[in-house]
């Protein structure tokens, strides 16, 4: 298959969350058919609810600054599936992506023909196998691997990492991970391995207790961000600066107070991986991570944020309160049906003078009219798609600030329109 065919086939496998098949048997069989590529790499395995993508990006950038050849596997993508698999900071080519897809697809078809597996590998399983295959071919120094959903039964949990990292845990995907913080934390803790050290970001007490108990069970040494003192913290609308005892001076270019915890988590992980201080500082300072409090237009100011659950909404609300209090705010919100839209709206709508509800072009998207029902905002209006919402944005006076949030799918569509139209 060529690249468009391979992408179409992946999409035809179904939404990677809705069609998830929990269990590791299928991915393990697939990787056996590929010669166990996961055994030929060193991994940093990262789980959590929010911040794991940002933390992965900072860890990878720090390792690259230390002179290491790196791989990075994240999800979802914003523009193209190739973004999920990165070598030395760059997305793989369409040709490389296609070649890996064809190898994995052939291995899966062989397993199906022999009755070794029950169904074709899912979208996420297939791309995970593709990534591991490419990383093994490259003989990289270290691969930073982001969990897709949960941890214990996630397709990435077939690796034997040299370090595990768990970012803050909160409510999300309750249908799959459980409806209590304890059950969600139990799934995330499933990435912990006997004797493998782990870095834990700051956690709510219920989650911290579960993580700590699991670490004791498997004999994992734990380094907690709470054990380090942050000094001289300076937050701006574009990032943060702070010092960490004993002698780290961090500049994080990712906006939002919540990124301070992510940057600290990444810095500690990099220390554990043996990165020198100058590489940690330089790598974090060079991190790029699109769609998270990303300022993409100046007049009116437009900021994209993939806040898609209550914790993400609280982080966005704190950012608005800190840096945009008193400004005229337009919020454009679109979300998936399985999200806590009433709670997200309850957090964000009071921060906006105007609200436009819309929907990304995804089958799981909640209809804008349904969002309007939960939008406790007198001036809320409907736009059928992001293009229609942006038509209203371009008519605003320059003193307004526009936040587009609720789904990374919506952010990706908005980003493509805004950046594509104004290049």
Protein backbone atom coordinates (compact mmCIF):
# COMPACT_ATOMS: atom_id res chain seq x y z
CA UNK A 1 0.00 0.00 0.00
CA UNK A 2 1.07 3.62 -0.49
CA UNK A 3 0.84 6.26 2.24
CA UNK A 4 -2.77 7.40 1.62
CA UNK A 5 -3.88 3.75 1.46
CA UNK A 6 -2.10 2.88 4.70
CA UNK A 7 -3.67 5.84 6.51
CA UNK A 8 -7.09 4.98 5.14
CA UNK A 9 -6.70 1.38 6.30
CA UNK A 10 -5.75 2.53 9.79
CA UNK A 11 -8.77 4.81 9.96
CA UNK A 12 -10.97 1.96 8.71
CA UNK A 13 -9.87 -0.09 11.73
CA UNK A 14 -12.01 2.29 13.77
CA UNK A 15 -11.52 4.96 16.38
CA UNK A 16 -8.55 4.00 18.52
CA UNK A 17 -10.43 4.53 21.78
CA UNK A 18 -13.87 3.27 20.86
CA UNK A 19 -12.49 0.09 19.26
CA UNK A 20 -9.79 -0.55 21.86
CA UNK A 21 -9.34 -4.23 22.71
CA UNK A 22 -7.79 -4.32 26.15
CA UNK A 23 -5.18 -7.02 26.62
CA UNK A 24 -1.64 -7.57 25.43
CA UNK A 25 -2.00 -10.91 23.64
CA UNK A 26 -2.56 -9.45 20.16
CA UNK A 27 0.25 -6.89 20.30
CA UNK A 28 2.64 -9.48 21.73
CA UNK A 29 1.82 -11.93 18.94
CA UNK A 30 2.28 -9.19 16.35
CA UNK A 31 5.66 -8.23 17.75
CA UNK A 32 6.73 -11.88 17.85
CA UNK A 33 5.92 -12.01 14.15
CA UNK A 34 8.15 -8.98 13.64
CA UNK A 35 11.10 -10.46 15.52
CA UNK A 36 10.49 -8.77 18.89
CA UNK A 37 11.71 -5.25 18.00
CA UNK A 38 10.88 -4.07 21.54
CA UNK A 39 13.88 -6.03 22.81
CA UNK A 40 16.33 -3.93 20.79
CA UNK A 41 15.64 -0.50 22.35
CA UNK A 42 16.03 1.32 25.65
CA UNK A 43 12.79 2.92 26.78
CA UNK A 44 11.41 5.63 29.02
CA UNK A 45 7.75 4.71 29.54
CA UNK A 46 5.40 7.57 30.43
CA UNK A 47 1.82 7.28 31.72
CA UNK A 48 -0.59 9.75 33.33
CA UNK A 49 -3.82 11.61 32.63
CA UNK A 50 -2.65 15.10 31.70
CA UNK A 51 0.79 16.34 30.77
CA UNK A 52 2.29 13.08 29.60
CA UNK A 53 2.73 14.29 26.02
CA UNK A 54 4.39 17.53 27.13
CA UNK A 55 6.59 15.63 29.57
CA UNK A 56 7.60 13.14 26.87
CA UNK A 57 8.51 16.01 24.54
CA UNK A 58 10.69 17.64 27.21
CA UNK A 59 12.44 14.38 28.11
CA UNK A 60 13.15 13.62 24.45
CA UNK A 61 14.45 17.14 23.82
CA UNK A 62 16.75 16.87 26.85
CA UNK A 63 18.14 13.54 25.70
CA UNK A 64 18.77 14.99 22.24
CA UNK A 65 20.56 17.95 23.80
CA UNK A 66 22.75 15.41 25.60
CA UNK A 67 23.83 14.03 22.24
CA UNK A 68 21.71 10.91 22.24
CA UNK A 69 19.85 9.54 19.23
CA UNK A 70 16.21 9.46 20.21
CA UNK A 71 12.84 8.08 19.30
CA UNK A 72 9.53 9.55 20.45
CA UNK A 73 6.12 7.88 20.26
CA UNK A 74 3.07 9.96 21.18
CA UNK A 75 -0.65 10.15 20.44
CA UNK A 76 -2.88 11.50 19.10
CA UNK A 77 -1.47 13.40 16.15
CA UNK A 78 -2.54 16.89 15.11
CA UNK A 79 -2.08 16.89 11.33
CA UNK A 80 -0.64 13.60 10.07
CA UNK A 81 -0.20 10.13 11.65
CA UNK A 82 3.52 10.37 10.88
CA UNK A 83 3.79 12.85 13.79
CA UNK A 84 3.31 9.97 16.23
CA UNK A 85 6.68 8.43 15.36
CA UNK A 86 9.67 10.75 15.62
CA UNK A 87 13.37 10.15 15.08
CA UNK A 88 15.76 12.71 16.54
CA UNK A 89 12.91 15.18 16.90
CA UNK A 90 11.48 14.84 13.38
CA UNK A 91 8.39 12.99 12.25
CA UNK A 92 9.15 9.97 10.08
CA UNK A 93 8.61 10.34 6.36
CA UNK A 94 5.46 9.11 4.66
CA UNK A 95 7.60 6.48 2.93
CA UNK A 96 9.04 5.22 6.21
CA UNK A 97 5.59 5.16 7.78
CA UNK A 98 4.19 3.21 4.83
CA UNK A 99 7.00 0.68 4.84
CA UNK A 100 6.47 -0.01 8.54
CA UNK A 101 2.72 -0.30 8.02
CA UNK A 102 3.17 -2.86 5.23
CA UNK A 103 5.50 -4.98 7.39
CA UNK A 104 3.13 -4.93 10.35
CA UNK A 105 0.06 -5.55 8.20
CA UNK A 106 1.75 -8.55 6.53
CA UNK A 107 2.71 -9.98 9.93
CA UNK A 108 -0.86 -9.54 11.20
CA UNK A 109 -2.36 -11.14 8.08
CA UNK A 110 -0.07 -14.12 8.56
CA UNK A 111 -1.14 -14.46 12.19
CA UNK A 112 -4.78 -14.29 11.17
CA UNK A 113 -4.30 -16.92 8.48
CA UNK A 114 -2.74 -19.26 11.05
CA UNK A 115 -5.44 -18.56 13.61
CA UNK A 116 -2.86 -17.16 16.03
CA UNK A 117 -4.94 -14.04 16.74
CA UNK A 118 -8.68 -13.44 16.69
CA UNK A 119 -8.88 -10.04 14.97
CA UNK A 120 -6.65 -7.65 13.08
CA UNK A 121 -4.53 -5.50 15.39
CA UNK A 122 -6.34 -2.28 16.28
CA UNK A 123 -5.35 1.16 15.01
CA UNK A 124 -3.28 1.88 18.12
CA UNK A 125 -1.76 -1.61 18.28
CA UNK A 126 -0.75 -1.37 14.63
CA UNK A 127 0.90 2.04 14.98
CA UNK A 128 2.63 0.93 18.20
CA UNK A 129 4.10 -2.07 16.38
CA UNK A 130 5.11 0.18 13.49
CA UNK A 131 6.89 2.57 15.85
CA UNK A 132 8.73 -0.21 17.68
CA UNK A 133 9.80 -1.68 14.35
CA UNK A 134 11.20 1.63 13.11
CA UNK A 135 12.95 2.36 16.41
CA UNK A 136 14.62 -1.05 16.38
CA UNK A 137 15.88 -0.51 12.82
CA UNK A 138 17.48 2.79 13.82
CA UNK A 139 19.45 1.38 16.79
CA UNK A 140 18.57 4.46 18.84
CA UNK A 141 20.06 5.32 22.21
CA UNK A 142 16.72 5.93 23.97
CA UNK A 143 13.04 5.88 23.02
CA UNK A 144 10.48 7.94 24.94
CA UNK A 145 7.20 6.03 24.78
CA UNK A 146 3.87 7.59 25.74
CA UNK A 147 1.07 5.35 26.95
CA UNK A 148 -2.06 5.61 24.83
CA UNK A 149 -4.81 4.79 27.35
CA UNK A 150 -4.38 3.65 30.94
CA UNK A 151 -1.19 1.66 31.21
CA UNK A 152 -1.63 -1.87 32.50
CA UNK A 153 -3.30 -3.17 29.34
CA UNK A 154 -2.07 -0.50 26.93
CA UNK A 155 -0.32 -1.76 23.80
CA UNK A 156 2.87 0.07 24.81
CA UNK A 157 3.13 -2.01 27.99
CA UNK A 158 5.14 -4.72 26.24
CA UNK A 159 8.47 -2.99 26.80
CA UNK A 160 11.01 -3.41 29.56
CA UNK A 161 11.90 0.22 30.29
CA UNK A 162 14.90 1.65 32.05
CA UNK A 163 12.71 4.32 33.63
CA UNK A 164 8.98 4.78 34.24
CA UNK A 165 7.35 8.18 34.61
CA UNK A 166 3.82 8.93 35.81
CA UNK A 167 2.43 12.43 35.35
CA UNK A 168 -0.57 13.77 37.32
CA UNK A 169 -3.56 11.43 37.41
CA UNK A 170 -7.11 12.72 37.21
CA UNK A 171 -10.50 11.73 35.83
CA UNK A 172 -10.67 10.81 32.15
CA UNK A 173 -11.80 7.77 30.15
CA UNK A 174 -13.74 6.53 33.19
CA UNK A 175 -15.70 4.13 31.01
CA UNK A 176 -12.50 2.17 30.40
CA UNK A 177 -10.34 2.89 33.45
CA UNK A 178 -12.90 3.03 36.26
CA UNK A 179 -14.87 5.77 37.97
CA UNK A 180 -12.63 6.40 40.95
CA UNK A 181 -9.17 7.91 41.15
CA UNK A 182 -7.98 4.74 42.83
CA UNK A 183 -9.04 2.54 39.91
CA UNK A 184 -7.62 4.95 37.34
CA UNK A 185 -4.34 5.11 39.26
CA UNK A 186 -4.26 1.32 39.41
CA UNK A 187 -4.35 1.16 35.62
CA UNK A 188 -1.62 3.78 35.28
CA UNK A 189 0.51 1.98 37.88
CA UNK A 190 0.43 -1.08 35.66
CA UNK A 191 3.47 0.20 33.77
CA UNK A 192 5.67 -0.15 36.86
CA UNK A 193 8.16 -3.01 36.58
CA UNK A 194 10.23 -4.92 39.15
CA UNK A 195 13.44 -3.09 39.90
CA UNK A 196 12.80 -0.29 37.36
CA UNK A 197 13.03 3.19 38.93
CA UNK A 198 10.04 5.50 38.58
CA UNK A 199 9.50 9.25 38.69
CA UNK A 200 6.13 10.34 40.10
CA UNK A 201 4.77 13.82 39.48
CA UNK A 202 2.66 15.41 42.20
CA UNK A 203 -0.53 13.41 42.71
CA UNK A 204 -3.83 13.71 44.50
CA UNK A 205 -3.74 11.65 47.75
CA UNK A 206 -5.96 8.84 46.46
CA UNK A 207 -3.76 8.31 43.39
CA UNK A 208 -0.51 8.73 45.33
CA UNK A 209 -1.48 5.93 47.72
CA UNK A 210 -2.19 3.49 44.90
CA UNK A 211 1.02 4.34 43.04
CA UNK A 212 3.10 4.03 46.18
CA UNK A 213 1.62 0.64 47.07
CA UNK A 214 2.23 -0.72 43.57
CA UNK A 215 5.81 0.55 43.58
CA UNK A 216 6.41 -1.28 46.87
CA UNK A 217 4.89 -4.46 45.47
CA UNK A 218 7.23 -4.55 42.48
CA UNK A 219 10.27 -3.16 44.26
CA UNK A 220 10.54 0.01 42.17
CA UNK A 221 12.61 2.85 43.57
CA UNK A 222 10.51 6.02 43.41
CA UNK A 223 11.66 9.61 42.97
CA UNK A 224 8.88 12.11 43.65
CA UNK A 225 8.81 15.66 42.39
CA UNK A 226 7.51 16.68 45.82
CA UNK A 227 10.97 15.85 47.19
CA UNK A 228 12.50 18.73 45.24
CA UNK A 229 12.09 22.42 46.06
CA UNK A 230 11.13 24.92 43.37
CA UNK A 231 12.55 28.40 43.94
CA UNK A 232 12.33 31.75 42.16
CA UNK A 233 9.33 30.76 40.08
CA UNK A 234 8.34 33.31 37.44
CA UNK A 235 5.29 32.66 35.29
CA UNK A 236 4.45 34.55 32.12
CA UNK A 237 1.82 34.02 29.46
CA UNK A 238 4.50 32.34 27.32
CA UNK A 239 6.22 30.01 29.78
CA UNK A 240 8.01 29.84 33.10
CA UNK A 241 11.40 30.11 34.77
CA UNK A 242 12.38 28.49 38.03
CA UNK A 243 15.26 26.99 39.92
CA UNK A 244 15.40 23.52 41.42
CA UNK A 245 17.67 22.53 44.25
CA UNK A 246 20.50 21.92 44.14
CA UNK A 247 21.59 23.69 40.94
CA UNK A 248 19.13 23.42 38.04
CA UNK A 249 17.83 26.57 36.36
CA UNK A 250 14.86 25.74 34.13
CA UNK A 251 13.20 27.76 31.41
CA UNK A 252 10.05 26.04 30.13
CA UNK A 253 8.67 27.51 26.88
CA UNK A 254 5.32 25.73 27.29
CA UNK A 255 2.71 28.05 28.77
CA UNK A 256 0.64 27.40 31.88
CA UNK A 257 1.37 26.90 35.55
CA UNK A 258 0.72 23.17 35.14
CA UNK A 259 3.76 22.94 32.85
CA UNK A 260 6.01 23.74 35.79
CA UNK A 261 5.20 20.32 37.28
CA UNK A 262 5.70 18.68 33.89
CA UNK A 263 9.06 20.41 33.41
CA UNK A 264 10.18 19.40 36.89
CA UNK A 265 9.11 15.81 36.20
CA UNK A 266 11.06 15.82 32.94
CA UNK A 267 14.15 17.33 34.59
CA UNK A 268 14.18 14.66 37.30
CA UNK A 269 13.70 11.93 34.69
CA UNK A 270 16.62 13.32 32.70
CA UNK A 271 18.79 13.31 35.80
CA UNK A 272 17.91 9.66 36.36
CA UNK A 273 18.88 8.95 32.75
CA UNK A 274 22.29 10.51 33.28
CA UNK A 275 21.82 13.68 31.23
CA UNK A 276 24.18 16.47 32.30
CA UNK A 277 22.79 19.66 33.76
CA UNK A 278 23.45 21.83 30.70
CA UNK A 279 21.64 19.34 28.45
CA UNK A 280 18.64 19.22 30.80
CA UNK A 281 18.37 22.99 30.83
CA UNK A 282 18.96 23.42 27.09
CA UNK A 283 16.69 20.54 26.09
CA UNK A 284 13.70 21.69 28.10
CA UNK A 285 14.19 25.26 26.88
CA UNK A 286 14.01 24.07 23.25
CA UNK A 287 10.88 21.95 23.64
CA UNK A 288 8.12 22.40 21.10
CA UNK A 289 4.67 20.91 21.68
CA UNK A 290 1.88 22.21 19.48
CA UNK A 291 -1.73 22.67 20.48
CA UNK A 292 -1.18 23.18 24.20
CA UNK A 293 -1.75 26.83 25.12
CA UNK A 294 -0.24 27.61 21.74
CA UNK A 295 -0.54 31.21 20.56
CA UNK A 296 -1.13 31.06 16.81
CA UNK A 297 -2.40 34.56 15.98
CA UNK A 298 -1.80 38.04 17.35
CA UNK A 299 -4.73 40.28 16.41
CA UNK A 300 -7.09 39.17 17.69
CA UNK A 301 -4.99 36.96 19.90
CA UNK A 302 -5.84 33.27 19.31
CA UNK A 303 -4.68 30.54 21.67
CA UNK A 304 -5.21 26.83 21.08
CA UNK A 305 -5.43 24.35 23.94
CA UNK A 306 -6.31 20.69 23.87
CA UNK A 307 -8.08 20.80 27.26
CA UNK A 308 -10.46 17.85 26.94
CA UNK A 309 -11.18 16.80 30.52
CA UNK A 310 -11.93 18.58 33.81
CA UNK A 311 -8.29 18.73 34.89
CA UNK A 312 -7.29 20.26 31.57
CA UNK A 313 -10.18 22.71 31.81
CA UNK A 314 -9.06 23.76 35.30
CA UNK A 315 -5.53 24.37 34.01
CA UNK A 316 -6.87 26.48 31.13
CA UNK A 317 -9.16 28.40 33.49
CA UNK A 318 -6.23 29.16 35.81
CA UNK A 319 -4.25 30.44 32.82
CA UNK A 320 -7.10 32.72 31.74
CA UNK A 321 -7.57 34.01 35.29
CA UNK A 322 -3.86 34.75 35.72
CA UNK A 323 -3.01 36.35 32.39
CA UNK A 324 -6.26 37.45 30.77
CA UNK A 325 -8.39 38.75 33.62
CA UNK A 326 -10.24 41.83 32.42
CA UNK A 327 -9.78 40.96 28.75
CA UNK A 328 -12.72 40.30 26.43
CA UNK A 329 -12.67 36.51 25.94
CA UNK A 330 -14.30 34.43 23.23
CA UNK A 331 -14.30 30.68 23.89
CA UNK A 332 -14.77 28.24 21.02
CA UNK A 333 -15.49 24.77 22.39
CA UNK A 334 -15.95 21.40 20.72
CA UNK A 335 -15.71 18.02 22.40
CA UNK A 336 -16.19 14.28 22.15
CA UNK A 337 -19.34 12.58 23.43
CA UNK A 338 -17.48 10.54 26.05
CA UNK A 339 -16.12 13.63 27.82
CA UNK A 340 -17.47 15.37 30.92
CA UNK A 341 -18.75 18.28 28.84
CA UNK A 342 -21.04 19.71 31.52
CA UNK A 343 -18.17 19.90 34.00
CA UNK A 344 -15.76 21.27 31.39
CA UNK A 345 -18.30 23.90 30.39
CA UNK A 346 -19.00 24.78 33.99
CA UNK A 347 -15.31 25.54 34.47
CA UNK A 348 -14.68 27.45 31.24
CA UNK A 349 -17.90 29.24 30.29
CA UNK A 350 -17.82 31.73 33.20
CA UNK A 351 -14.43 32.95 31.93
CA UNK A 352 -15.82 33.99 28.53
CA UNK A 353 -17.85 37.00 27.42
CA UNK A 354 -18.90 35.04 24.33
CA UNK A 355 -19.09 31.30 23.68
CA UNK A 356 -19.30 29.50 20.35
CA UNK A 357 -19.97 25.77 20.48
CA UNK A 358 -18.96 23.68 17.49
CA UNK A 359 -17.76 20.18 16.61
CA UNK A 360 -14.64 18.68 15.06
CA UNK A 361 -15.15 16.37 12.08
CA UNK A 362 -15.13 13.18 14.14
CA UNK A 363 -17.84 10.57 14.50
CA UNK A 364 -17.46 10.71 18.29
CA UNK A 365 -17.96 14.48 18.43
CA UNK A 366 -20.89 15.76 20.44
CA UNK A 367 -23.31 17.78 18.32
CA UNK A 368 -22.98 21.54 18.90
CA UNK A 369 -26.69 21.71 19.70
CA UNK A 370 -26.17 19.20 22.51
CA UNK A 371 -23.26 21.26 23.81
CA UNK A 372 -25.53 24.29 23.74
CA UNK A 373 -27.89 22.48 26.12
CA UNK A 374 -25.15 22.29 28.77
CA UNK A 375 -23.69 25.70 28.00
CA UNK A 376 -24.75 27.80 30.96
CA UNK A 377 -23.97 30.97 29.07
CA UNK A 378 -26.53 33.51 27.91
CA UNK A 379 -24.63 34.45 24.78
CA UNK A 380 -23.67 30.98 23.56
CA UNK A 381 -24.15 30.37 19.83
CA UNK A 382 -23.64 27.47 17.46
CA UNK A 383 -21.20 27.11 14.56
CA UNK A 384 -21.46 23.89 12.53
CA UNK A 385 -17.68 23.66 12.04
CA UNK A 386 -14.49 25.47 13.00
CA UNK A 387 -14.40 27.42 9.74
CA UNK A 388 -17.74 29.05 10.54
CA UNK A 389 -16.56 29.87 14.06
CA UNK A 390 -13.38 31.46 12.73
CA UNK A 391 -15.36 33.64 10.36
CA UNK A 392 -16.72 35.32 13.46
CA UNK A 393 -13.24 35.55 14.97
CA UNK A 394 -11.86 37.58 12.08
CA UNK A 395 -14.56 40.21 12.67
CA UNK A 396 -13.53 40.82 16.28
CA UNK A 397 -11.73 43.97 17.43
CA UNK A 398 -8.04 43.48 18.17
CA UNK A 399 -8.47 43.71 21.95
CA UNK A 400 -10.28 40.36 22.14
CA UNK A 401 -8.57 37.06 22.99
CA UNK A 402 -9.89 33.80 21.57
CA UNK A 403 -9.41 30.38 23.17
CA UNK A 404 -10.15 27.26 21.11
CA UNK A 405 -10.40 24.17 23.29
CA UNK A 406 -12.25 20.99 24.24
CA UNK A 407 -10.59 18.51 21.89
CA UNK A 408 -7.23 18.05 20.22
CA UNK A 409 -9.16 17.17 17.07
CA UNK A 410 -10.75 20.62 17.11
CA UNK A 411 -7.39 22.22 17.85
CA UNK A 412 -5.84 20.41 14.90
CA UNK A 413 -8.58 21.63 12.55
CA UNK A 414 -8.31 25.20 13.82
CA UNK A 415 -4.54 25.14 13.57
CA UNK A 416 -4.63 23.91 9.98
CA UNK A 417 -7.10 26.64 8.98
CA UNK A 418 -5.36 29.51 10.77
CA UNK A 419 -1.76 28.64 9.91
CA UNK A 420 -2.59 27.37 6.44
CA UNK A 421 -4.61 30.44 5.49
CA UNK A 422 -2.08 32.95 6.76
CA UNK A 423 1.24 31.59 5.60
